């Protein structure tokens, strides 16, 4: 799946990506908005920049996110 800027997401699971760090476990269950999907490289393994509600902006692995139906 390719994410697009402005889409609402949920971080629904811990990622197995090597760039996932222990502090990111606290993001599981959080909602946010895609701010920079890196669509120019169109790589499903690339990190995506997300503004998480109340947690700031972070770059997270795509496999940890799913789209929310708003």
Protein backbone atom coordinates (compact mmCIF):
# COMPACT_ATOMS: atom_id res chain seq x y z
CA UNK A 1 0.00 0.00 0.00
CA UNK A 2 1.17 3.50 -0.79
CA UNK A 3 0.21 6.17 1.69
CA UNK A 4 -0.73 9.68 0.60
CA UNK A 5 -0.31 13.00 2.38
CA UNK A 6 -3.27 13.86 4.60
CA UNK A 7 -4.50 10.30 5.14
CA UNK A 8 -5.51 9.37 8.71
CA UNK A 9 -3.69 6.33 10.06
CA UNK A 10 -3.39 4.21 13.16
CA UNK A 11 -0.13 2.72 14.37
CA UNK A 12 -1.63 -0.69 15.01
CA UNK A 13 1.39 -2.89 15.69
CA UNK A 14 5.07 -3.00 16.48
CA UNK A 15 7.25 -3.17 13.40
CA UNK A 16 9.88 -5.80 12.73
CA UNK A 17 11.87 -3.18 10.79
CA UNK A 18 15.40 -2.69 12.15
CA UNK A 19 14.74 1.04 12.48
CA UNK A 20 11.93 0.47 15.01
CA UNK A 21 13.15 1.46 18.46
CA UNK A 22 11.78 0.47 21.86
CA UNK A 23 10.39 3.95 22.60
CA UNK A 24 8.16 3.57 19.51
CA UNK A 25 6.19 0.84 21.30
CA UNK A 26 4.31 3.68 23.02
CA UNK A 27 2.99 4.77 19.59
CA UNK A 28 1.01 1.55 19.09
CA UNK A 29 -2.66 2.49 19.19
CA UNK A 30 -2.01 6.15 18.31
CA UNK A 31 -3.71 7.93 15.43
CA UNK A 32 -2.15 10.51 13.15
CA UNK A 33 -1.89 12.07 9.70
CA UNK A 34 0.60 11.24 6.95
CA UNK A 35 2.69 14.38 6.42
CA UNK A 36 5.40 13.09 4.05
CA UNK A 37 4.77 9.78 2.31
CA UNK A 38 8.01 9.85 0.27
CA UNK A 39 5.91 9.02 -2.77
CA UNK A 40 8.72 10.09 -5.07
CA UNK A 41 10.68 6.97 -4.24
CA UNK A 42 7.53 4.79 -4.11
CA UNK A 43 9.22 2.23 -1.88
CA UNK A 44 6.84 0.29 0.37
CA UNK A 45 9.73 -0.38 2.77
CA UNK A 46 10.58 3.33 3.19
CA UNK A 47 9.78 5.14 6.39
CA UNK A 48 6.83 7.52 6.30
CA UNK A 49 6.62 10.79 8.21
CA UNK A 50 3.53 10.91 10.41
CA UNK A 51 2.20 13.58 12.74
CA UNK A 52 0.83 11.56 15.67
CA UNK A 53 -1.95 13.11 17.75
CA UNK A 54 -0.31 14.45 20.91
CA UNK A 55 3.04 12.76 20.21
CA UNK A 56 4.72 14.95 17.57
CA UNK A 57 6.05 14.06 14.14
CA UNK A 58 8.00 10.84 13.57
CA UNK A 59 9.26 8.66 10.73
CA UNK A 60 7.76 5.19 11.05
CA UNK A 61 7.81 1.96 9.03
CA UNK A 62 4.75 1.55 6.82
CA UNK A 63 4.13 -2.00 8.02
CA UNK A 64 3.19 -0.66 11.45
CA UNK A 65 0.35 1.52 10.10
CA UNK A 66 -3.12 1.07 8.65
CA UNK A 67 -5.58 3.54 7.19
CA UNK A 68 -8.50 4.74 9.28
CA UNK A 69 -11.96 5.12 7.81
CA UNK A 70 -12.98 8.69 8.57
